[in-house]
């Protein structure tokens, strides 16, 4: 994918910020996906989601489902 040279914005500074973000998005996704803190955060969020959204009464089952949700989730740039 090629990075555009301009992105419609109100001012040149915002354009520069958006271009930098677009250029580093994939590298950041790789960095975040490989970071242990991201895994811990995702596990906390997945477990919270399971507890709030899926009626499983077994705590081990909830933990296992949360872990499986993480295994089926990929961090990529948009």
N, C-alpha and C. Protein backbone atom coordinates (compact mmCIF):
# COMPACT_ATOMS: atom_id res chain seq x y z
N UNK A 1 0.84 -1.18 0.00
CA UNK A 1 0.00 0.00 0.00
C UNK A 1 0.88 1.24 0.00
N UNK A 2 0.52 2.21 -0.78
CA UNK A 2 1.28 3.46 -0.80
C UNK A 2 0.62 4.46 0.13
N UNK A 3 1.43 5.25 0.77
CA UNK A 3 0.94 6.27 1.67
C UNK A 3 0.63 7.52 0.87
N UNK A 4 -0.55 8.10 1.06
CA UNK A 4 -0.88 9.32 0.32
C UNK A 4 0.03 10.46 0.74
N UNK A 5 0.21 11.42 -0.16
CA UNK A 5 1.07 12.56 0.16
C UNK A 5 0.29 13.66 0.85
N UNK A 6 -1.02 13.66 0.71
CA UNK A 6 -1.85 14.61 1.45
C UNK A 6 -3.13 13.91 1.87
N UNK A 7 -3.63 14.34 2.98
CA UNK A 7 -4.91 13.88 3.50
C UNK A 7 -5.70 15.15 3.80
N UNK A 8 -6.91 15.26 3.29
CA UNK A 8 -7.67 16.50 3.52
C UNK A 8 -7.81 16.84 5.01
N UNK A 9 -7.33 18.00 5.39
CA UNK A 9 -7.41 18.47 6.77
C UNK A 9 -7.62 19.97 6.77
N UNK A 10 -7.79 20.49 7.97
CA UNK A 10 -8.00 21.93 8.12
C UNK A 10 -6.68 22.69 7.97
N UNK A 11 -5.58 22.10 8.44
CA UNK A 11 -4.30 22.83 8.40
C UNK A 11 -3.14 21.88 8.10
N UNK A 12 -2.00 22.43 7.71
CA UNK A 12 -0.83 21.61 7.36
C UNK A 12 -0.29 20.76 8.51
N UNK A 13 -0.38 21.26 9.73
CA UNK A 13 0.12 20.48 10.88
C UNK A 13 -0.68 19.19 11.02
N UNK A 14 -2.02 19.28 10.95
CA UNK A 14 -2.85 18.09 11.05
C UNK A 14 -2.53 17.12 9.92
N UNK A 15 -2.28 17.64 8.74
CA UNK A 15 -1.93 16.80 7.61
C UNK A 15 -0.62 16.05 7.90
N UNK A 16 0.36 16.74 8.44
CA UNK A 16 1.64 16.10 8.76
C UNK A 16 1.46 15.00 9.81
N UNK A 17 0.66 15.28 10.84
CA UNK A 17 0.39 14.29 11.89
C UNK A 17 -0.29 13.06 11.30
N UNK A 18 -1.29 13.26 10.46
CA UNK A 18 -2.01 12.14 9.85
C UNK A 18 -1.09 11.33 8.94
N UNK A 19 -0.22 12.00 8.19
CA UNK A 19 0.71 11.29 7.32
C UNK A 19 1.71 10.46 8.13
N UNK A 20 2.23 11.04 9.22
CA UNK A 20 3.14 10.29 10.08
C UNK A 20 2.45 9.07 10.67
N UNK A 21 1.23 9.25 11.15
CA UNK A 21 0.48 8.13 11.73
C UNK A 21 0.23 7.05 10.69
N UNK A 22 -0.14 7.44 9.48
CA UNK A 22 -0.38 6.48 8.42
C UNK A 22 0.90 5.71 8.09
N UNK A 23 2.01 6.40 8.09
CA UNK A 23 3.29 5.77 7.77
C UNK A 23 3.79 4.81 8.83
N UNK A 24 3.44 5.04 10.08
CA UNK A 24 3.92 4.21 11.18
C UNK A 24 2.86 3.26 11.73
N UNK A 25 1.67 3.24 11.17
CA UNK A 25 0.56 2.44 11.71
C UNK A 25 0.89 0.96 11.77
N UNK A 26 1.46 0.42 10.73
CA UNK A 26 1.77 -1.01 10.71
C UNK A 26 2.87 -1.35 11.71
N UNK A 27 3.88 -0.50 11.78
CA UNK A 27 4.96 -0.72 12.75
C UNK A 27 4.42 -0.67 14.18
N UNK A 28 3.52 0.27 14.46
CA UNK A 28 2.92 0.36 15.79
C UNK A 28 2.08 -0.87 16.09
N UNK A 29 1.31 -1.35 15.11
CA UNK A 29 0.49 -2.55 15.31
C UNK A 29 1.38 -3.74 15.68
N UNK A 30 2.51 -3.89 14.99
CA UNK A 30 3.44 -4.97 15.32
C UNK A 30 4.02 -4.79 16.72
N UNK A 31 4.37 -3.57 17.06
CA UNK A 31 4.91 -3.26 18.39
C UNK A 31 3.89 -3.59 19.47
N UNK A 32 2.65 -3.14 19.28
CA UNK A 32 1.61 -3.36 20.29
C UNK A 32 1.29 -4.85 20.41
N UNK A 33 1.21 -5.54 19.29
CA UNK A 33 0.86 -6.96 19.31
C UNK A 33 1.94 -7.78 20.03
N UNK A 34 3.18 -7.35 19.97
CA UNK A 34 4.27 -8.08 20.60
C UNK A 34 4.57 -7.65 22.03
N UNK A 35 3.81 -6.72 22.55
CA UNK A 35 4.08 -6.18 23.88
C UNK A 35 3.26 -6.93 24.93
N UNK A 36 3.90 -7.39 25.98
CA UNK A 36 3.22 -8.14 27.05
C UNK A 36 2.11 -7.32 27.70
N UNK A 37 2.29 -6.02 27.82
CA UNK A 37 1.25 -5.18 28.41
C UNK A 37 -0.03 -5.21 27.58
N UNK A 38 0.13 -5.28 26.25
CA UNK A 38 -1.05 -5.36 25.38
C UNK A 38 -1.79 -6.66 25.65
N UNK A 39 -1.05 -7.75 25.80
CA UNK A 39 -1.68 -9.04 26.08
C UNK A 39 -2.45 -8.99 27.40
N UNK A 40 -1.84 -8.39 28.43
CA UNK A 40 -2.50 -8.29 29.73
C UNK A 40 -3.76 -7.44 29.63
N UNK A 41 -3.68 -6.32 28.92
CA UNK A 41 -4.84 -5.45 28.75
C UNK A 41 -5.94 -6.17 27.98
N UNK A 42 -5.57 -6.85 26.90
CA UNK A 42 -6.56 -7.58 26.11
C UNK A 42 -7.21 -8.68 26.95
N UNK A 43 -6.43 -9.36 27.78
CA UNK A 43 -6.98 -10.41 28.63
C UNK A 43 -7.96 -9.81 29.63
N UNK A 44 -7.61 -8.69 30.24
CA UNK A 44 -8.52 -8.03 31.18
C UNK A 44 -9.82 -7.64 30.48
N UNK A 45 -9.70 -7.07 29.30
CA UNK A 45 -10.90 -6.66 28.55
C UNK A 45 -11.73 -7.86 28.11
N UNK A 46 -11.08 -8.90 27.65
CA UNK A 46 -11.81 -10.10 27.20
C UNK A 46 -12.53 -10.75 28.37
N UNK A 47 -11.87 -10.86 29.52
CA UNK A 47 -12.50 -11.47 30.70
C UNK A 47 -13.68 -10.62 31.18
N UNK A 48 -13.50 -9.31 31.18
CA UNK A 48 -14.59 -8.40 31.56
C UNK A 48 -15.77 -8.56 30.59
N UNK A 49 -15.48 -8.64 29.30
CA UNK A 49 -16.53 -8.83 28.29
C UNK A 49 -17.28 -10.13 28.53
N UNK A 50 -16.56 -11.21 28.76
CA UNK A 50 -17.20 -12.51 28.98
C UNK A 50 -18.09 -12.45 30.22
N UNK A 51 -17.58 -11.89 31.31
CA UNK A 51 -18.35 -11.83 32.56
C UNK A 51 -19.62 -11.00 32.40
N UNK A 52 -19.56 -9.94 31.60
CA UNK A 52 -20.71 -9.06 31.43
C UNK A 52 -21.68 -9.53 30.35
N UNK A 53 -21.19 -10.26 29.36
CA UNK A 53 -22.00 -10.54 28.17
C UNK A 53 -22.40 -11.99 27.96
N UNK A 54 -21.68 -12.91 28.58
CA UNK A 54 -21.93 -14.33 28.30
C UNK A 54 -22.21 -15.03 29.64
N UNK A 55 -23.38 -15.66 29.77
CA UNK A 55 -23.77 -16.26 31.05
C UNK A 55 -23.05 -17.58 31.35
N UNK A 56 -21.80 -17.48 31.73
CA UNK A 56 -21.03 -18.65 32.15
C UNK A 56 -20.82 -18.53 33.65
N UNK A 57 -21.22 -19.56 34.41
CA UNK A 57 -21.11 -19.48 35.86
C UNK A 57 -19.78 -20.02 36.38
N UNK A 58 -19.10 -20.82 35.59
CA UNK A 58 -17.82 -21.39 35.97
C UNK A 58 -16.70 -20.38 35.69
N UNK A 59 -15.98 -19.97 36.73
CA UNK A 59 -14.93 -18.96 36.56
C UNK A 59 -13.83 -19.45 35.62
N UNK A 60 -13.47 -20.72 35.72
CA UNK A 60 -12.46 -21.26 34.82
C UNK A 60 -12.94 -21.23 33.37
N UNK A 61 -14.22 -21.50 33.16
CA UNK A 61 -14.79 -21.45 31.82
C UNK A 61 -14.75 -20.04 31.26
N UNK A 62 -15.05 -19.06 32.11
CA UNK A 62 -15.01 -17.66 31.69
C UNK A 62 -13.59 -17.26 31.29
N UNK A 63 -12.62 -17.68 32.10
CA UNK A 63 -11.23 -17.37 31.81
C UNK A 63 -10.79 -18.04 30.50
N UNK A 64 -11.17 -19.32 30.33
CA UNK A 64 -10.79 -20.03 29.11
C UNK A 64 -11.41 -19.39 27.87
N UNK A 65 -12.67 -18.98 27.98
CA UNK A 65 -13.34 -18.32 26.85
C UNK A 65 -12.66 -16.99 26.54
N UNK A 66 -12.33 -16.22 27.56
CA UNK A 66 -11.64 -14.94 27.36
C UNK A 66 -10.31 -15.17 26.65
N UNK A 67 -9.58 -16.19 27.07
CA UNK A 67 -8.30 -16.51 26.45
C UNK A 67 -8.51 -16.91 24.99
N UNK A 68 -9.54 -17.68 24.71
CA UNK A 68 -9.82 -18.10 23.34
C UNK A 68 -10.21 -16.90 22.47
N UNK A 69 -10.94 -15.95 23.04
CA UNK A 69 -11.28 -14.73 22.30
C UNK A 69 -10.02 -13.99 21.88
N UNK A 70 -9.06 -13.91 22.78
CA UNK A 70 -7.81 -13.23 22.45
C UNK A 70 -7.08 -13.97 21.34
N UNK A 71 -7.09 -15.28 21.38
CA UNK A 71 -6.41 -16.07 20.36
C UNK A 71 -7.03 -15.88 18.99
N UNK A 72 -8.28 -15.44 18.96
CA UNK A 72 -8.99 -15.22 17.70
C UNK A 72 -9.04 -13.74 17.32
N UNK A 73 -8.20 -12.93 17.95
CA UNK A 73 -8.17 -11.50 17.69
C UNK A 73 -6.79 -11.11 17.19
N UNK A 74 -6.76 -10.29 16.16
CA UNK A 74 -5.49 -9.83 15.60
C UNK A 74 -5.43 -8.31 15.66
N UNK A 75 -4.28 -7.78 15.98
CA UNK A 75 -4.07 -6.34 15.98
C UNK A 75 -3.43 -5.97 14.66
N UNK A 76 -4.14 -5.17 13.88
CA UNK A 76 -3.63 -4.71 12.58
C UNK A 76 -3.95 -3.25 12.40
N UNK A 77 -3.27 -2.64 11.46
CA UNK A 77 -3.59 -1.24 11.14
C UNK A 77 -4.87 -1.23 10.31
N UNK A 78 -5.58 -0.15 10.39
CA UNK A 78 -6.84 -0.02 9.64
C UNK A 78 -6.57 0.61 8.31
